[in-house]
Amino acid sequence: MKRAKHGSIRELFAKNLKRLRLKKDMSQEELAEASELHRTYVSSVERGERNISLDNVEKLANALDSDVRLFFDTDNDSIDESSS
């Protein structure tokens, strides 16, 4: 499989997770509480250190009131233009 120019899918997910969290003006701690995940886990996911499960992807999307697809979007404008 060819690797995308943005790096690994984990790096893309991490970058988009952080962008979405900051757009919602949430701290990592607030996101962790809303998603029922541990704060250090959310932090390590945002740094691209974790291979996150689909269940946890869904929890984060729900906590951010966002579409799961935005985590994997290579077009940053989609995140910037999505509803707050």
N, C-alpha and C. Protein backbone atom coordinates (compact mmCIF):
# COMPACT_ATOMS: atom_id res chain seq x y z
N MET A 1 0.83 -1.17 0.00
CA MET A 1 0.00 0.00 0.00
C MET A 1 0.88 1.25 0.00
N LYS A 2 0.49 2.22 -0.80
CA LYS A 2 1.24 3.46 -0.91
C LYS A 2 0.93 4.37 0.27
N ARG A 3 1.95 4.94 0.87
CA ARG A 3 1.78 5.85 2.00
C ARG A 3 1.44 7.25 1.48
N ALA A 4 0.47 7.87 2.09
CA ALA A 4 0.05 9.21 1.69
C ALA A 4 1.12 10.23 2.05
N LYS A 5 1.08 11.37 1.37
CA LYS A 5 2.11 12.39 1.59
C LYS A 5 2.06 13.00 2.99
N HIS A 6 0.95 12.85 3.70
CA HIS A 6 0.82 13.42 5.04
C HIS A 6 1.50 12.59 6.10
N GLY A 7 1.96 11.40 5.78
CA GLY A 7 2.57 10.49 6.76
C GLY A 7 1.62 9.35 7.03
N SER A 8 1.75 8.75 8.19
CA SER A 8 0.92 7.59 8.52
C SER A 8 -0.51 8.00 8.83
N ILE A 9 -1.40 7.04 8.73
CA ILE A 9 -2.81 7.28 9.08
C ILE A 9 -2.93 7.65 10.55
N ARG A 10 -2.06 7.10 11.38
CA ARG A 10 -2.07 7.44 12.81
C ARG A 10 -1.69 8.90 13.02
N GLU A 11 -0.71 9.38 12.26
CA GLU A 11 -0.31 10.79 12.37
C GLU A 11 -1.43 11.71 11.88
N LEU A 12 -2.08 11.33 10.80
CA LEU A 12 -3.20 12.11 10.27
C LEU A 12 -4.32 12.17 11.30
N PHE A 13 -4.66 11.02 11.88
CA PHE A 13 -5.71 10.97 12.90
C PHE A 13 -5.35 11.88 14.07
N ALA A 14 -4.12 11.79 14.54
CA ALA A 14 -3.67 12.59 15.69
C ALA A 14 -3.79 14.08 15.40
N LYS A 15 -3.34 14.48 14.23
CA LYS A 15 -3.39 15.90 13.84
C LYS A 15 -4.83 16.40 13.78
N ASN A 16 -5.70 15.60 13.16
CA ASN A 16 -7.09 16.01 13.03
C ASN A 16 -7.83 15.98 14.35
N LEU A 17 -7.50 15.03 15.22
CA LEU A 17 -8.10 14.99 16.55
C LEU A 17 -7.77 16.28 17.30
N LYS A 18 -6.53 16.68 17.28
CA LYS A 18 -6.13 17.90 17.98
C LYS A 18 -6.82 19.12 17.38
N ARG A 19 -6.87 19.20 16.05
CA ARG A 19 -7.55 20.34 15.40
C ARG A 19 -9.02 20.41 15.80
N LEU A 20 -9.70 19.26 15.79
CA LEU A 20 -11.11 19.24 16.16
C LEU A 20 -11.31 19.61 17.63
N ARG A 21 -10.43 19.11 18.50
CA ARG A 21 -10.53 19.42 19.93
C ARG A 21 -10.34 20.91 20.17
N LEU A 22 -9.32 21.49 19.54
CA LEU A 22 -9.06 22.91 19.73
C LEU A 22 -10.18 23.76 19.14
N LYS A 23 -10.75 23.31 18.02
CA LYS A 23 -11.87 24.03 17.41
C LYS A 23 -13.06 24.08 18.35
N LYS A 24 -13.25 23.03 19.14
CA LYS A 24 -14.33 22.97 20.12
C LYS A 24 -13.94 23.65 21.44
N ASP A 25 -12.71 24.18 21.48
CA ASP A 25 -12.20 24.87 22.67
C ASP A 25 -12.25 23.96 23.90
N MET A 26 -11.80 22.72 23.70
CA MET A 26 -11.77 21.74 24.79
C MET A 26 -10.33 21.42 25.16
N SER A 27 -10.11 21.19 26.43
CA SER A 27 -8.81 20.69 26.87
C SER A 27 -8.78 19.18 26.65
N GLN A 28 -7.60 18.60 26.73
CA GLN A 28 -7.50 17.14 26.65
C GLN A 28 -8.26 16.49 27.80
N GLU A 29 -8.20 17.10 28.95
CA GLU A 29 -8.91 16.56 30.11
C GLU A 29 -10.42 16.58 29.90
N GLU A 30 -10.94 17.67 29.33
CA GLU A 30 -12.38 17.76 29.06
C GLU A 30 -12.80 16.73 28.01
N LEU A 31 -11.98 16.56 26.99
CA LEU A 31 -12.27 15.57 25.96
C LEU A 31 -12.24 14.17 26.56
N ALA A 32 -11.26 13.90 27.38
CA ALA A 32 -11.16 12.58 28.01
C ALA A 32 -12.40 12.28 28.85
N GLU A 33 -12.82 13.25 29.63
CA GLU A 33 -14.01 13.05 30.47
C GLU A 33 -15.26 12.83 29.61
N ALA A 34 -15.42 13.64 28.56
CA ALA A 34 -16.60 13.53 27.70
C ALA A 34 -16.63 12.21 26.92
N SER A 35 -15.46 11.68 26.62
CA SER A 35 -15.39 10.44 25.85
C SER A 35 -15.22 9.20 26.73
N GLU A 36 -15.14 9.42 28.04
CA GLU A 36 -14.95 8.34 29.01
C GLU A 36 -13.66 7.57 28.75
N LEU A 37 -12.62 8.32 28.39
CA LEU A 37 -11.28 7.76 28.21
C LEU A 37 -10.34 8.46 29.19
N HIS A 38 -9.21 7.85 29.46
CA HIS A 38 -8.25 8.44 30.39
C HIS A 38 -7.52 9.60 29.72
N ARG A 39 -7.23 10.63 30.50
CA ARG A 39 -6.56 11.82 29.98
C ARG A 39 -5.22 11.50 29.33
N THR A 40 -4.44 10.63 29.94
CA THR A 40 -3.13 10.31 29.36
C THR A 40 -3.27 9.51 28.07
N TYR A 41 -4.36 8.74 27.95
CA TYR A 41 -4.63 8.00 26.72
C TYR A 41 -4.94 8.98 25.59
N VAL A 42 -5.81 9.95 25.85
CA VAL A 42 -6.15 10.95 24.84
C VAL A 42 -4.90 11.71 24.42
N SER A 43 -4.07 12.06 25.36
CA SER A 43 -2.83 12.76 25.06
C SER A 43 -1.92 11.94 24.16
N SER A 44 -1.78 10.66 24.45
CA SER A 44 -0.90 9.82 23.64
C SER A 44 -1.48 9.56 22.25
N VAL A 45 -2.81 9.52 22.14
CA VAL A 45 -3.45 9.40 20.82
C VAL A 45 -3.16 10.66 20.01
N GLU A 46 -3.27 11.82 20.64
CA GLU A 46 -3.00 13.09 19.96
C GLU A 46 -1.55 13.21 19.51
N ARG A 47 -0.66 12.54 20.19
CA ARG A 47 0.75 12.56 19.79
C ARG A 47 1.07 11.48 18.77
N GLY A 48 0.08 10.68 18.42
CA GLY A 48 0.28 9.62 17.43
C GLY A 48 1.00 8.41 17.97
N GLU A 49 0.98 8.24 19.27
CA GLU A 49 1.69 7.13 19.91
C GLU A 49 0.83 5.87 20.07
N ARG A 50 -0.47 6.00 19.91
CA ARG A 50 -1.39 4.88 20.14
C ARG A 50 -2.04 4.43 18.84
N ASN A 51 -2.26 3.14 18.74
CA ASN A 51 -3.01 2.56 17.64
C ASN A 51 -4.44 2.39 18.17
N ILE A 52 -5.25 3.40 17.96
CA ILE A 52 -6.57 3.51 18.59
C ILE A 52 -7.57 2.53 17.99
N SER A 53 -8.46 2.02 18.83
CA SER A 53 -9.50 1.10 18.36
C SER A 53 -10.66 1.89 17.74
N LEU A 54 -11.44 1.21 16.94
CA LEU A 54 -12.61 1.86 16.33
C LEU A 54 -13.62 2.29 17.39
N ASP A 55 -13.74 1.52 18.44
CA ASP A 55 -14.65 1.90 19.53
C ASP A 55 -14.25 3.25 20.13
N ASN A 56 -12.95 3.45 20.32
CA ASN A 56 -12.48 4.70 20.90
C ASN A 56 -12.54 5.85 19.90
N VAL A 57 -12.37 5.56 18.62
CA VAL A 57 -12.57 6.59 17.58
C VAL A 57 -14.01 7.10 17.68
N GLU A 58 -14.95 6.18 17.81
CA GLU A 58 -16.36 6.56 17.92
C GLU A 58 -16.62 7.38 19.18
N LYS A 59 -16.02 7.00 20.30
CA LYS A 59 -16.19 7.74 21.55
C LYS A 59 -15.69 9.18 21.40
N LEU A 60 -14.52 9.34 20.76
CA LEU A 60 -13.96 10.68 20.58
C LEU A 60 -14.83 11.51 19.63
N ALA A 61 -15.30 10.89 18.56
CA ALA A 61 -16.17 11.61 17.61
C ALA A 61 -17.45 12.07 18.30
N ASN A 62 -18.04 11.19 19.09
CA ASN A 62 -19.26 11.57 19.81
C ASN A 62 -19.00 12.70 20.80
N ALA A 63 -17.89 12.62 21.52
CA ALA A 63 -17.55 13.65 22.50
C ALA A 63 -17.31 15.01 21.83
N LEU A 64 -16.79 14.97 20.60
CA LEU A 64 -16.54 16.21 19.86
C LEU A 64 -17.72 16.60 18.98
N ASP A 65 -18.79 15.79 19.00
CA ASP A 65 -19.96 16.02 18.15
C ASP A 65 -19.53 16.21 16.70
N SER A 66 -18.67 15.30 16.24
CA SER A 66 -18.07 15.37 14.91
C SER A 66 -18.29 14.08 14.14
N ASP A 67 -18.21 14.17 12.85
CA ASP A 67 -18.28 13.02 11.97
C ASP A 67 -16.95 12.27 12.04
N VAL A 68 -17.01 10.97 12.20
CA VAL A 68 -15.80 10.14 12.27
C VAL A 68 -14.89 10.38 11.07
N ARG A 69 -15.47 10.62 9.91
CA ARG A 69 -14.68 10.81 8.70
C ARG A 69 -13.70 11.98 8.79
N LEU A 70 -14.02 12.98 9.61
CA LEU A 70 -13.13 14.14 9.73
C LEU A 70 -11.77 13.77 10.31
N PHE A 71 -11.70 12.72 11.11
CA PHE A 71 -10.42 12.29 11.68
C PHE A 71 -9.46 11.80 10.59
N PHE A 72 -10.00 11.36 9.47
CA PHE A 72 -9.19 10.77 8.41
C PHE A 72 -9.12 11.66 7.17
N ASP A 73 -9.60 12.87 7.29
CA ASP A 73 -9.67 13.80 6.16
C ASP A 73 -8.31 14.46 5.93
N THR A 74 -7.82 14.38 4.71
CA THR A 74 -6.54 15.02 4.38
C THR A 74 -6.72 16.48 3.99
N ASP A 75 -7.97 16.91 3.85
CA ASP A 75 -8.28 18.29 3.49
C ASP A 75 -8.60 19.06 4.77
N ASN A 76 -7.62 19.78 5.28
CA ASN A 76 -7.80 20.50 6.55
C ASN A 76 -8.94 21.51 6.50
N ASP A 77 -9.27 22.00 5.31
CA ASP A 77 -10.35 22.96 5.18
C ASP A 77 -11.68 22.35 5.61
N SER A 78 -11.85 21.05 5.44
CA SER A 78 -13.08 20.39 5.85
C SER A 78 -13.31 20.54 7.35
N ILE A 79 -12.24 20.43 8.11
CA ILE A 79 -12.34 20.57 9.57
C ILE A 79 -12.62 22.02 9.91
N ASP A 80 -11.92 22.94 9.26
CA ASP A 80 -12.09 24.35 9.55
C ASP A 80 -13.49 24.84 9.21
N GLU A 81 -14.11 24.21 8.20
CA GLU A 81 -15.43 24.64 7.76
C GLU A 81 -16.56 23.87 8.42
N SER A 82 -16.24 22.77 9.15
CA SER A 82 -17.30 21.99 9.79
C SER A 82 -17.92 22.81 10.91
N SER A 83 -19.15 22.47 11.24
CA SER A 83 -19.87 23.24 12.26
C SER A 83 -19.22 23.05 13.62
N SER A 84 -19.28 24.08 14.43
CA SER A 84 -18.70 24.04 15.78
C SER A 84 -19.64 23.42 16.76
